[in-house]
Amino acid sequence: MKHKPNGEIDRYKAQLVAKGYAQQKGIDYEETFAPTCCMTTLHFLCAFAAHFGWNVHQSDIVTAFLNGDIFEEVYVTQPHSFVKKGQEDKVCRCKKALYGLKQSPHTWYEKANAHLVKQGFCNSPTKSTLYVKREDNVLLIVVLYVDNLLISLDQIKDILLNLRLI
């Protein structure tokens, strides 16, 4: 629950988490690998930005894993508070990745990669989490790590507004 400053309940919050430990390879999931940048890539971007006096913006994608599409048939039990009387034996089929599923990081990376490439970014051939875009003499660099982005360029606010990231 989220509370208002006066103590009243503002809203109820919940997070569904799947029991990924119960998944079986080849049945519930195929691929679990999701690239994660190495610290040297983050250090490079920070040093590069510092050298040129660029801004660096870190963005946490709050519901990142929920954006990934899953194609395997994955079922979860009903959340306890949503079980209807007489339908206790029913389950829910997942169409989107949930936190806890083994394939969630992979599906998020695939979705983020496709979006960045569609926006005109070039993916580094040696660092799969490093993306670069040059547009009208502006160089934009994005490093993707888990459910976060590190973004740097000299006109950061204008570009972030155009990408709808802020």
C-alpha atoms as a PDB file:
ATOM      1  CA  MET A   1       0.000   0.000   0.000  1.00  0.00           C
ATOM      2  CA  LYS A   2       1.066   3.549  -0.666  1.00  0.00           C
ATOM      3  CA  HIS A   3       0.041   6.055   1.982  1.00  0.00           C
ATOM      4  CA  LYS A   4      -0.613   9.779   1.773  1.00  0.00           C
ATOM      5  CA  PRO A   5       1.330  12.071   4.144  1.00  0.00           C
ATOM      6  CA  ASN A   6      -1.661  12.121   6.517  1.00  0.00           C
ATOM      7  CA  GLY A   7      -1.627   8.305   6.787  1.00  0.00           C
ATOM      8  CA  GLU A   8      -4.625   7.578   4.551  1.00  0.00           C
ATOM      9  CA  ILE A   9      -4.270   4.845   1.942  1.00  0.00           C
ATOM     10  CA  ASP A  10      -3.427   6.444  -1.405  1.00  0.00           C
ATOM     11  CA  ARG A  11      -3.456   3.280  -3.533  1.00  0.00           C
ATOM     12  CA  TYR A  12      -2.786  -0.415  -3.424  1.00  0.00           C
ATOM     13  CA  LYS A  13       0.245  -1.798  -5.183  1.00  0.00           C
ATOM     14  CA  ALA A  14       1.101  -5.355  -6.107  1.00  0.00           C
ATOM     15  CA  GLN A  15       3.789  -7.097  -8.076  1.00  0.00           C
ATOM     16  CA  LEU A  16       3.260 -10.475  -9.665  1.00  0.00           C
ATOM     17  CA  VAL A  17       6.378 -12.599  -9.540  1.00  0.00           C
ATOM     18  CA  ALA A  18       6.587 -15.955 -11.288  1.00  0.00           C
ATOM     19  CA  LYS A  19       8.163 -19.036  -9.772  1.00  0.00           C
ATOM     20  CA  GLY A  20      10.953 -19.306 -12.323  1.00  0.00           C
ATOM     21  CA  TYR A  21      12.654 -22.042 -10.331  1.00  0.00           C
ATOM     22  CA  ALA A  22       9.822 -24.368 -11.377  1.00  0.00           C
ATOM     23  CA  GLN A  23      10.364 -23.775 -15.121  1.00  0.00           C
ATOM     24  CA  GLN A  24      11.818 -26.516 -17.315  1.00  0.00           C
ATOM     25  CA  LYS A  25      14.122 -25.802 -20.262  1.00  0.00           C
ATOM     26  CA  GLY A  26      12.503 -26.672 -23.596  1.00  0.00           C
ATOM     27  CA  ILE A  27       9.019 -26.599 -22.068  1.00  0.00           C
ATOM     28  CA  ASP A  28       8.582 -23.244 -20.347  1.00  0.00           C
ATOM     29  CA  TYR A  29      11.535 -21.417 -21.865  1.00  0.00           C
ATOM     30  CA  GLU A  30      14.222 -21.683 -24.537  1.00  0.00           C
ATOM     31  CA  GLU A  31      16.612 -18.747 -24.116  1.00  0.00           C
ATOM     32  CA  THR A  32      17.645 -17.107 -20.869  1.00  0.00           C
ATOM     33  CA  PHE A  33      20.748 -15.188 -21.917  1.00  0.00           C
ATOM     34  CA  ALA A  34      20.560 -11.406 -21.898  1.00  0.00           C
ATOM     35  CA  PRO A  35      23.688  -9.338 -22.534  1.00  0.00           C
ATOM     36  CA  THR A  36      24.855  -7.146 -19.699  1.00  0.00           C
ATOM     37  CA  CYS A  37      27.460  -4.474 -20.257  1.00  0.00           C
ATOM     38  CA  CYS A  38      30.801  -4.811 -18.599  1.00  0.00           C
ATOM     39  CA  MET A  39      32.040  -2.110 -16.270  1.00  0.00           C
ATOM     40  CA  THR A  40      34.662  -1.027 -18.793  1.00  0.00           C
ATOM     41  CA  THR A  41      31.848   0.003 -21.175  1.00  0.00           C
ATOM     42  CA  LEU A  42      30.263   2.149 -18.457  1.00  0.00           C
ATOM     43  CA  HIS A  43      33.683   3.582 -17.556  1.00  0.00           C
ATOM     44  CA  PHE A  44      34.335   4.336 -21.231  1.00  0.00           C
ATOM     45  CA  LEU A  45      31.056   6.219 -21.610  1.00  0.00           C
ATOM     46  CA  CYS A  46      31.617   8.235 -18.425  1.00  0.00           C
ATOM     47  CA  ALA A  47      35.218   9.091 -19.402  1.00  0.00           C
ATOM     48  CA  PHE A  48      34.158   9.979 -22.961  1.00  0.00           C
ATOM     49  CA  ALA A  49      31.377  12.236 -21.660  1.00  0.00           C
ATOM     50  CA  ALA A  50      33.661  13.872 -19.100  1.00  0.00           C
ATOM     51  CA  HIS A  51      36.314  14.543 -21.742  1.00  0.00           C
ATOM     52  CA  PHE A  52      33.831  16.320 -24.032  1.00  0.00           C
ATOM     53  CA  GLY A  53      31.839  17.941 -21.234  1.00  0.00           C
ATOM     54  CA  TRP A  54      28.675  16.033 -22.102  1.00  0.00           C
ATOM     55  CA  ASN A  55      25.819  15.289 -19.782  1.00  0.00           C
ATOM     56  CA  VAL A  56      25.168  11.725 -18.666  1.00  0.00           C
ATOM     57  CA  HIS A  57      21.664  10.578 -17.816  1.00  0.00           C
ATOM     58  CA  GLN A  58      20.818   7.318 -16.096  1.00  0.00           C
ATOM     59  CA  SER A  59      17.321   5.972 -16.662  1.00  0.00           C
ATOM     60  CA  ASP A  60      15.736   3.058 -14.828  1.00  0.00           C
ATOM     61  CA  ILE A  61      12.988   1.398 -16.869  1.00  0.00           C
ATOM     62  CA  VAL A  62      10.570   0.637 -14.034  1.00  0.00           C
ATOM     63  CA  THR A  63       8.470  -2.048 -15.718  1.00  0.00           C
ATOM     64  CA  ALA A  64      11.148  -3.262 -18.114  1.00  0.00           C
ATOM     65  CA  PHE A  65      10.585  -6.994 -17.856  1.00  0.00           C
ATOM     66  CA  LEU A  66       6.821  -6.589 -18.291  1.00  0.00           C
ATOM     67  CA  ASN A  67       7.475  -5.194 -21.782  1.00  0.00           C
ATOM     68  CA  GLY A  68       9.027  -8.406 -23.060  1.00  0.00           C
ATOM     69  CA  ASP A  69       6.837 -10.710 -25.125  1.00  0.00           C
ATOM     70  CA  ILE A  70       6.980 -14.430 -24.412  1.00  0.00           C
ATOM     71  CA  PHE A  71       6.089 -17.017 -27.000  1.00  0.00           C
ATOM     72  CA  GLU A  72       6.297 -20.188 -24.932  1.00  0.00           C
ATOM     73  CA  GLU A  73       3.200 -21.394 -23.111  1.00  0.00           C
ATOM     74  CA  VAL A  74       3.788 -20.324 -19.528  1.00  0.00           C
ATOM     75  CA  TYR A  75       1.114 -20.546 -16.857  1.00  0.00           C
ATOM     76  CA  VAL A  76       1.019 -19.128 -13.337  1.00  0.00           C
ATOM     77  CA  THR A  77      -1.381 -19.764 -10.512  1.00  0.00           C
ATOM     78  CA  GLN A  78      -3.987 -17.107  -9.857  1.00  0.00           C
ATOM     79  CA  PRO A  79      -3.055 -14.360  -7.402  1.00  0.00           C
ATOM     80  CA  HIS A  80      -4.726 -15.295  -4.110  1.00  0.00           C
ATOM     81  CA  SER A  81      -6.834 -12.137  -3.923  1.00  0.00           C
ATOM     82  CA  PHE A  82      -8.292 -12.719  -7.423  1.00  0.00           C
ATOM     83  CA  VAL A  83      -9.435 -16.317  -7.096  1.00  0.00           C
ATOM     84  CA  LYS A  84     -13.177 -16.651  -7.731  1.00  0.00           C
ATOM     85  CA  LYS A  85     -15.185 -19.170  -5.778  1.00  0.00           C
ATOM     86  CA  GLY A  86     -15.663 -22.314  -7.834  1.00  0.00           C
ATOM     87  CA  GLN A  87     -12.696 -21.457 -10.124  1.00  0.00           C
ATOM     88  CA  GLU A  88      -9.832 -22.176  -7.727  1.00  0.00           C
ATOM     89  CA  ASP A  89      -8.230 -24.692 -10.108  1.00  0.00           C
ATOM     90  CA  LYS A  90      -7.822 -22.220 -13.002  1.00  0.00           C
ATOM     91  CA  VAL A  91      -4.448 -20.761 -13.991  1.00  0.00           C
ATOM     92  CA  CYS A  92      -3.350 -17.666 -15.923  1.00  0.00           C
ATOM     93  CA  ARG A  93      -1.455 -17.855 -19.217  1.00  0.00           C
ATOM     94  CA  CYS A  94       1.329 -15.286 -19.484  1.00  0.00           C
ATOM     95  CA  LYS A  95       1.525 -13.227 -22.655  1.00  0.00           C
ATOM     96  CA  LYS A  96       4.130 -10.859 -21.237  1.00  0.00           C
ATOM     97  CA  ALA A  97       7.223 -11.648 -19.248  1.00  0.00           C
ATOM     98  CA  LEU A  98       6.934 -11.440 -15.482  1.00  0.00           C
ATOM     99  CA  TYR A  99       9.656 -10.831 -12.936  1.00  0.00           C
ATOM    100  CA  GLY A 100      10.948 -14.220 -11.903  1.00  0.00           C
ATOM    101  CA  LEU A 101      10.586 -15.974 -15.275  1.00  0.00           C
ATOM    102  CA  LYS A 102      13.880 -17.295 -16.589  1.00  0.00           C
ATOM    103  CA  GLN A 103      13.355 -15.712 -20.008  1.00  0.00           C
ATOM    104  CA  SER A 104      12.346 -12.237 -18.756  1.00  0.00           C
ATOM    105  CA  PRO A 105      15.779 -10.567 -19.063  1.00  0.00           C
ATOM    106  CA  HIS A 106      16.234 -12.013 -22.566  1.00  0.00           C
ATOM    107  CA  THR A 107      12.801 -10.876 -23.781  1.00  0.00           C
ATOM    108  CA  TRP A 108      13.391  -7.375 -22.374  1.00  0.00           C
ATOM    109  CA  TYR A 109      16.754  -7.123 -24.133  1.00  0.00           C
ATOM    110  CA  GLU A 110      15.225  -8.270 -27.432  1.00  0.00           C
ATOM    111  CA  LYS A 111      12.453  -5.646 -27.134  1.00  0.00           C
ATOM    112  CA  ALA A 112      14.871  -2.848 -26.166  1.00  0.00           C
ATOM    113  CA  ASN A 113      17.319  -3.797 -28.926  1.00  0.00           C
ATOM    114  CA  ALA A 114      14.564  -3.810 -31.564  1.00  0.00           C
ATOM    115  CA  HIS A 115      13.313  -0.403 -30.397  1.00  0.00           C
ATOM    116  CA  LEU A 116      16.763   1.207 -30.394  1.00  0.00           C
ATOM    117  CA  VAL A 117      17.602  -0.176 -33.856  1.00  0.00           C
ATOM    118  CA  LYS A 118      14.213   1.020 -35.152  1.00  0.00           C
ATOM    119  CA  GLN A 119      15.060   4.498 -33.789  1.00  0.00           C
ATOM    120  CA  GLY A 120      18.211   4.514 -35.953  1.00  0.00           C
ATOM    121  CA  PHE A 121      20.839   3.383 -33.454  1.00  0.00           C
ATOM    122  CA  CYS A 122      23.737   1.217 -34.572  1.00  0.00           C
ATOM    123  CA  ASN A 123      24.549  -1.662 -32.271  1.00  0.00           C
ATOM    124  CA  SER A 124      28.248  -2.139 -31.622  1.00  0.00           C
ATOM    125  CA  PRO A 125      29.594  -5.303 -33.275  1.00  0.00           C
ATOM    126  CA  THR A 126      31.792  -6.030 -30.234  1.00  0.00           C
ATOM    127  CA  LYS A 127      29.718  -4.680 -27.322  1.00  0.00           C
ATOM    128  CA  SER A 128      26.109  -5.802 -27.751  1.00  0.00           C
ATOM    129  CA  THR A 129      24.806  -3.361 -25.132  1.00  0.00           C
ATOM    130  CA  LEU A 130      26.409  -0.262 -26.686  1.00  0.00           C
ATOM    131  CA  TYR A 131      24.351   1.777 -29.168  1.00  0.00           C
ATOM    132  CA  VAL A 132      25.398   4.838 -31.149  1.00  0.00           C
ATOM    133  CA  LYS A 133      23.358   7.245 -33.223  1.00  0.00           C
ATOM    134  CA  ARG A 134      24.635  10.220 -35.211  1.00  0.00           C
ATOM    135  CA  GLU A 135      22.097  12.773 -36.314  1.00  0.00           C
ATOM    136  CA  ASP A 136      22.849  16.288 -37.629  1.00  0.00           C
ATOM    137  CA  ASN A 137      26.330  16.427 -36.061  1.00  0.00           C
ATOM    138  CA  VAL A 138      24.988  15.179 -32.721  1.00  0.00           C
ATOM    139  CA  LEU A 139      26.392  11.945 -31.383  1.00  0.00           C
ATOM    140  CA  LEU A 140      24.155  10.013 -28.994  1.00  0.00           C
ATOM    141  CA  ILE A 141      25.517   7.049 -27.048  1.00  0.00           C
ATOM    142  CA  VAL A 142      23.340   4.604 -25.103  1.00  0.00           C
ATOM    143  CA  VAL A 143      24.508   1.737 -22.916  1.00  0.00           C
ATOM    144  CA  LEU A 144      21.858  -0.800 -21.954  1.00  0.00           C
ATOM    145  CA  TYR A 145      22.381  -2.744 -18.749  1.00  0.00           C
ATOM    146  CA  VAL A 146      19.693  -5.007 -17.334  1.00  0.00           C
ATOM    147  CA  ASP A 147      16.698  -2.637 -16.953  1.00  0.00           C
ATOM    148  CA  ASN A 148      18.693   0.605 -17.044  1.00  0.00           C
ATOM    149  CA  LEU A 149      20.010   2.950 -19.711  1.00  0.00           C
ATOM    150  CA  LEU A 150      23.019   5.227 -19.532  1.00  0.00           C
ATOM    151  CA  ILE A 151      22.681   7.991 -22.136  1.00  0.00           C
ATOM    152  CA  SER A 152      25.163  10.664 -23.130  1.00  0.00           C
ATOM    153  CA  LEU A 153      25.378  13.493 -25.650  1.00  0.00           C
ATOM    154  CA  ASP A 154      25.845  17.240 -25.689  1.00  0.00           C
ATOM    155  CA  GLN A 155      22.146  18.127 -26.107  1.00  0.00           C
ATOM    156  CA  ILE A 156      20.691  15.455 -23.860  1.00  0.00           C
ATOM    157  CA  LYS A 157      17.373  17.030 -22.849  1.00  0.00           C
ATOM    158  CA  ASP A 158      16.192  17.689 -26.428  1.00  0.00           C
ATOM    159  CA  ILE A 159      17.000  14.148 -27.541  1.00  0.00           C
ATOM    160  CA  LEU A 160      15.433  12.509 -24.463  1.00  0.00           C
ATOM    161  CA  LEU A 161      12.222  14.430 -25.064  1.00  0.00           C
ATOM    162  CA  ASN A 162      12.172  13.279 -28.700  1.00  0.00           C
ATOM    163  CA  LEU A 163      12.712   9.645 -27.659  1.00  0.00           C
ATOM    164  CA  ARG A 164       9.995  10.038 -24.992  1.00  0.00           C
ATOM    165  CA  LEU A 165      12.371   8.824 -22.278  1.00  0.00           C
ATOM    166  CA  ILE A 166      11.622  11.766 -19.965  1.00  0.00           C
END
